[in-house]
C-alpha atoms as a PDB file:
ATOM      1  CA  UNK A   1      -0.158   0.167   0.393  1.00  0.00           C
ATOM      2  CA  UNK A   2       1.487   3.725  -1.267  1.00  0.00           C
ATOM      3  CA  UNK A   3       0.614   5.258   2.262  1.00  0.00           C
ATOM      4  CA  UNK A   4       1.995   8.448   1.455  1.00  0.00           C
ATOM      5  CA  UNK A   5       0.040   9.157  -1.325  1.00  0.00           C
ATOM      6  CA  UNK A   6      -3.181   7.446   0.285  1.00  0.00           C
ATOM      7  CA  UNK A   7      -2.423  10.132   3.406  1.00  0.00           C
ATOM      8  CA  UNK A   8      -2.043  13.008   1.046  1.00  0.00           C
ATOM      9  CA  UNK A   9      -4.997  12.132  -0.947  1.00  0.00           C
ATOM     10  CA  UNK A  10      -7.327  11.892   2.392  1.00  0.00           C
ATOM     11  CA  UNK A  11      -6.123  15.553   3.743  1.00  0.00           C
ATOM     12  CA  UNK A  12      -5.561  17.085   0.730  1.00  0.00           C
ATOM     13  CA  UNK A  13      -2.452  17.718   0.550  1.00  0.00           C
ATOM     14  CA  UNK A  14      -1.369  17.894  -3.354  1.00  0.00           C
ATOM     15  CA  UNK A  15       2.486  19.262  -2.990  1.00  0.00           C
ATOM     16  CA  UNK A  16       5.716  17.545  -1.336  1.00  0.00           C
ATOM     17  CA  UNK A  17       6.417  20.136   1.460  1.00  0.00           C
ATOM     18  CA  UNK A  18       4.376  17.701   4.219  1.00  0.00           C
ATOM     19  CA  UNK A  19       6.263  14.517   2.450  1.00  0.00           C
ATOM     20  CA  UNK A  20       8.875  14.568   5.334  1.00  0.00           C
ATOM     21  CA  UNK A  21       6.910  15.008   8.432  1.00  0.00           C
ATOM     22  CA  UNK A  22       4.376  12.308   7.146  1.00  0.00           C
ATOM     23  CA  UNK A  23       6.847   9.613   6.296  1.00  0.00           C
ATOM     24  CA  UNK A  24       8.025  10.275   9.886  1.00  0.00           C
ATOM     25  CA  UNK A  25       4.624   9.987  11.335  1.00  0.00           C
ATOM     26  CA  UNK A  26       4.492   6.303   8.789  1.00  0.00           C
ATOM     27  CA  UNK A  27       7.761   5.335  10.162  1.00  0.00           C
ATOM     28  CA  UNK A  28       6.557   5.855  14.034  1.00  0.00           C
ATOM     29  CA  UNK A  29       3.354   4.438  13.607  1.00  0.00           C
ATOM     30  CA  UNK A  30       4.497   1.389  11.148  1.00  0.00           C
ATOM     31  CA  UNK A  31       7.239   0.520  13.984  1.00  0.00           C
ATOM     32  CA  UNK A  32       4.443   0.623  16.800  1.00  0.00           C
ATOM     33  CA  UNK A  33       2.270  -1.269  14.915  1.00  0.00           C
ATOM     34  CA  UNK A  34       5.054  -4.259  14.184  1.00  0.00           C
ATOM     35  CA  UNK A  35       5.884  -4.184  17.996  1.00  0.00           C
ATOM     36  CA  UNK A  36       2.441  -4.872  18.877  1.00  0.00           C
ATOM     37  CA  UNK A  37       2.105  -7.945  16.157  1.00  0.00           C
ATOM     38  CA  UNK A  38       5.812  -9.086  16.622  1.00  0.00           C
ATOM     39  CA  UNK A  39       5.790  -8.778  12.639  1.00  0.00           C
ATOM     40  CA  UNK A  40       8.513  -7.545  10.779  1.00  0.00           C
ATOM     41  CA  UNK A  41       6.454  -5.899   8.657  1.00  0.00           C
ATOM     42  CA  UNK A  42       2.989  -4.347   9.051  1.00  0.00           C
ATOM     43  CA  UNK A  43       0.350  -7.298   7.797  1.00  0.00           C
ATOM     44  CA  UNK A  44      -1.673  -6.290   4.768  1.00  0.00           C
ATOM     45  CA  UNK A  45      -4.702  -6.639   6.684  1.00  0.00           C
ATOM     46  CA  UNK A  46      -3.233  -3.653   9.331  1.00  0.00           C
ATOM     47  CA  UNK A  47      -2.680  -1.429   6.232  1.00  0.00           C
ATOM     48  CA  UNK A  48      -6.002   0.949   7.346  1.00  0.00           C
ATOM     49  CA  UNK A  49      -4.168   1.419  10.636  1.00  0.00           C
ATOM     50  CA  UNK A  50      -1.465   3.265  10.032  1.00  0.00           C
ATOM     51  CA  UNK A  51      -3.158   5.198   7.375  1.00  0.00           C
ATOM     52  CA  UNK A  52      -5.984   6.714  10.036  1.00  0.00           C
ATOM     53  CA  UNK A  53      -3.605   6.306  12.981  1.00  0.00           C
ATOM     54  CA  UNK A  54      -1.146   8.337  11.055  1.00  0.00           C
ATOM     55  CA  UNK A  55      -3.783  10.956  10.202  1.00  0.00           C
ATOM     56  CA  UNK A  56      -4.993  11.139  13.474  1.00  0.00           C
ATOM     57  CA  UNK A  57      -1.263  11.523  14.402  1.00  0.00           C
ATOM     58  CA  UNK A  58      -0.642  14.032  11.682  1.00  0.00           C
ATOM     59  CA  UNK A  59      -3.470  16.189  12.840  1.00  0.00           C
ATOM     60  CA  UNK A  60      -2.297  16.704  16.555  1.00  0.00           C
ATOM     61  CA  UNK A  61       0.823  18.535  15.000  1.00  0.00           C
ATOM     62  CA  UNK A  62       1.911  21.339  17.617  1.00  0.00           C
ATOM     63  CA  UNK A  63      -0.991  19.960  19.811  1.00  0.00           C
ATOM     64  CA  UNK A  64       1.016  16.886  21.674  1.00  0.00           C
ATOM     65  CA  UNK A  65      -0.036  16.028  24.748  1.00  0.00           C
ATOM     66  CA  UNK A  66      -2.416  17.885  24.710  1.00  0.00           C
ATOM     67  CA  UNK A  67      -5.681  16.155  27.066  1.00  0.00           C
ATOM     68  CA  UNK A  68      -8.374  18.999  26.382  1.00  0.00           C
ATOM     69  CA  UNK A  69      -8.858  22.292  24.893  1.00  0.00           C
ATOM     70  CA  UNK A  70     -12.141  24.381  24.779  1.00  0.00           C
ATOM     71  CA  UNK A  71     -12.860  27.086  22.465  1.00  0.00           C
ATOM     72  CA  UNK A  72     -16.390  28.984  22.643  1.00  0.00           C
ATOM     73  CA  UNK A  73     -18.250  25.929  22.280  1.00  0.00           C
ATOM     74  CA  UNK A  74     -15.926  23.932  21.029  1.00  0.00           C
ATOM     75  CA  UNK A  75     -14.001  21.427  22.853  1.00  0.00           C
ATOM     76  CA  UNK A  76     -11.271  18.701  21.965  1.00  0.00           C
ATOM     77  CA  UNK A  77      -9.792  15.954  23.458  1.00  0.00           C
ATOM     78  CA  UNK A  78      -6.816  13.935  21.968  1.00  0.00           C
ATOM     79  CA  UNK A  79      -5.173  10.663  22.846  1.00  0.00           C
ATOM     80  CA  UNK A  80      -1.239   9.982  23.374  1.00  0.00           C
ATOM     81  CA  UNK A  81      -1.998   6.308  21.965  1.00  0.00           C
ATOM     82  CA  UNK A  82      -2.490   6.192  18.476  1.00  0.00           C
ATOM     83  CA  UNK A  83      -3.312   3.161  18.329  1.00  0.00           C
ATOM     84  CA  UNK A  84      -5.443   3.081  21.190  1.00  0.00           C
ATOM     85  CA  UNK A  85      -8.597   2.684  19.079  1.00  0.00           C
ATOM     86  CA  UNK A  86      -7.827   0.163  17.191  1.00  0.00           C
ATOM     87  CA  UNK A  87      -6.452  -2.134  20.030  1.00  0.00           C
ATOM     88  CA  UNK A  88      -9.578  -4.610  19.378  1.00  0.00           C
ATOM     89  CA  UNK A  89      -8.308  -4.598  15.431  1.00  0.00           C
ATOM     90  CA  UNK A  90      -5.046  -5.529  16.660  1.00  0.00           C
ATOM     91  CA  UNK A  91      -5.486  -8.163  19.370  1.00  0.00           C
ATOM     92  CA  UNK A  92      -7.947  -9.916  17.368  1.00  0.00           C
ATOM     93  CA  UNK A  93      -5.581 -10.429  14.314  1.00  0.00           C
ATOM     94  CA  UNK A  94      -2.442 -11.193  16.863  1.00  0.00           C
ATOM     95  CA  UNK A  95      -5.073 -13.712  17.929  1.00  0.00           C
ATOM     96  CA  UNK A  96      -6.365 -15.274  14.843  1.00  0.00           C
ATOM     97  CA  UNK A  97      -2.563 -15.009  13.043  1.00  0.00           C
ATOM     98  CA  UNK A  98      -0.094 -15.976  16.289  1.00  0.00           C
ATOM     99  CA  UNK A  99       0.374 -18.868  18.327  1.00  0.00           C
ATOM    100  CA  UNK A 100       0.847 -17.982  21.511  1.00  0.00           C
ATOM    101  CA  UNK A 101       0.004 -20.957  23.654  1.00  0.00           C
ATOM    102  CA  UNK A 102       1.589 -23.917  24.354  1.00  0.00           C
ATOM    103  CA  UNK A 103      -1.097 -25.678  26.659  1.00  0.00           C
ATOM    104  CA  UNK A 104      -1.069 -29.112  24.686  1.00  0.00           C
ATOM    105  CA  UNK A 105       2.342 -29.200  22.908  1.00  0.00           C
ATOM    106  CA  UNK A 106       5.404 -31.478  23.151  1.00  0.00           C
ATOM    107  CA  UNK A 107       9.055 -30.489  22.088  1.00  0.00           C
ATOM    108  CA  UNK A 108      11.645 -33.281  22.331  1.00  0.00           C
ATOM    109  CA  UNK A 109      15.218 -33.007  21.797  1.00  0.00           C
END
């Protein structure tokens, strides 16, 4: 999946002025997702998480760590873990694709 172009399309970015920032965010999100799935690359089925979490992170630039803010009748609250909204999806993928149980197995040497 071409993450960079998909993100730029969704954010309506038509030039390359933000490419470095988006690529840095992509690297971080992919690394965290790989760590959570214990894979060497992002599983194709979870590629949408990279896109959505990266967009969320990009939109928070300069508001890092803000827990809540309000102005007039508009308020915003930010999560500090970009993958938190996808925790169930990640857990489901891990449960289906990674064997974690050793119950009932024998290893002979």
